Structures are given as C-alpha cells and as structure tokens.
Protein backbone atom coordinates (compact mmCIF):
# COMPACT_ATOMS: atom_id res chain seq x y z
CA UNK A 1 -16.33 28.76 2.16
CA UNK A 2 -13.89 26.67 0.15
CA UNK A 3 -13.92 26.96 -3.60
CA UNK A 4 -13.40 23.86 -5.72
CA UNK A 5 -10.92 24.17 -8.56
CA UNK A 6 -11.73 22.12 -11.64
CA UNK A 7 -8.76 20.25 -13.05
CA UNK A 8 -10.55 18.84 -16.06
CA UNK A 9 -13.39 20.05 -18.26
CA UNK A 10 -15.80 18.02 -20.38
CA UNK A 11 -15.89 18.18 -24.16
CA UNK A 12 -19.05 20.30 -24.07
CA UNK A 13 -17.58 22.82 -21.63
CA UNK A 14 -14.29 22.90 -23.52
CA UNK A 15 -16.14 23.64 -26.79
CA UNK A 16 -17.95 26.54 -25.17
CA UNK A 17 -14.76 27.94 -23.63
CA UNK A 18 -12.92 27.74 -26.96
CA UNK A 19 -15.82 28.93 -29.11
CA UNK A 20 -15.77 25.75 -31.20
CA UNK A 21 -18.47 23.25 -32.05
CA UNK A 22 -18.21 19.92 -30.25
CA UNK A 23 -17.67 18.26 -33.64
CA UNK A 24 -14.74 20.56 -34.48
CA UNK A 25 -13.24 20.08 -31.02
CA UNK A 26 -13.57 16.29 -31.38
CA UNK A 27 -11.82 16.43 -34.77
CA UNK A 28 -8.92 18.51 -33.43
CA UNK A 29 -8.71 16.29 -30.35
CA UNK A 30 -8.53 13.07 -32.33
CA UNK A 31 -6.00 14.47 -34.82
CA UNK A 32 -3.74 15.88 -32.08
CA UNK A 33 -4.17 13.14 -29.48
CA UNK A 34 -5.23 15.67 -26.85
CA UNK A 35 -7.89 14.86 -24.28
CA UNK A 36 -8.67 11.73 -22.32
CA UNK A 37 -11.64 9.48 -23.07
CA UNK A 38 -13.36 7.66 -20.24
CA UNK A 39 -16.12 5.12 -20.58
CA UNK A 40 -18.72 4.28 -17.96
CA UNK A 41 -21.11 1.61 -19.18
CA UNK A 42 -22.29 2.74 -22.61
CA UNK A 43 -21.45 6.41 -21.97
CA UNK A 44 -18.19 7.87 -23.22
CA UNK A 45 -16.89 11.32 -22.30
CA UNK A 46 -13.75 13.20 -23.22
CA UNK A 47 -12.00 15.35 -20.63
CA UNK A 48 -9.40 18.05 -21.18
CA UNK A 49 -6.91 19.75 -18.88
CA UNK A 50 -6.53 23.50 -19.13
CA UNK A 51 -3.08 22.98 -20.68
CA UNK A 52 -4.67 20.80 -23.38
CA UNK A 53 -7.26 23.54 -24.01
CA UNK A 54 -4.43 26.03 -24.50
CA UNK A 55 -2.78 23.69 -27.02
CA UNK A 56 -6.08 23.12 -28.88
CA UNK A 57 -6.60 26.87 -29.00
CA UNK A 58 -3.18 27.31 -30.59
CA UNK A 59 -3.92 24.55 -33.12
CA UNK A 60 -7.30 26.09 -34.00
CA UNK A 61 -5.71 29.53 -34.53
CA UNK A 62 -3.05 28.08 -36.82
CA UNK A 63 -5.69 26.26 -38.87
CA UNK A 64 -7.59 29.49 -39.48
CA UNK A 65 -4.53 31.41 -40.67
C-alpha cells in the first residue's frame, strides 16, 4: 500500500493545524503574502505549503508576545 504525501493544505486544514480561526489565518496570509490562491469558476481556495505553515506559526507567535 502506497501512502500519498500531501504537499499543500487548504485554508481550513491549515487553520485547524495551527489552532487559528480561518479569519485570523486569512489576515496573516494576506499581510505576509504567504499562501497561494486558486480560482475555479466562482470558487476560490487558498493553499499553503508546510514551510508556509511554519512561517505563519512563527508570525502568530510573535504577534501574541
């Protein structure tokens, strides 16, 4: 059985992993320029790499302190 490694995570999954609300994650993402938005028809989704999640985590920690 071959396991599939995810290279990107959605905004919802990223928010859960980081313990942030989607709104807070969207704010940090737009301010920092991290994440990639893709549009399909009228649907828009933001995707993050694990490296971007690490950077967002560091930004969120610095904002709390």
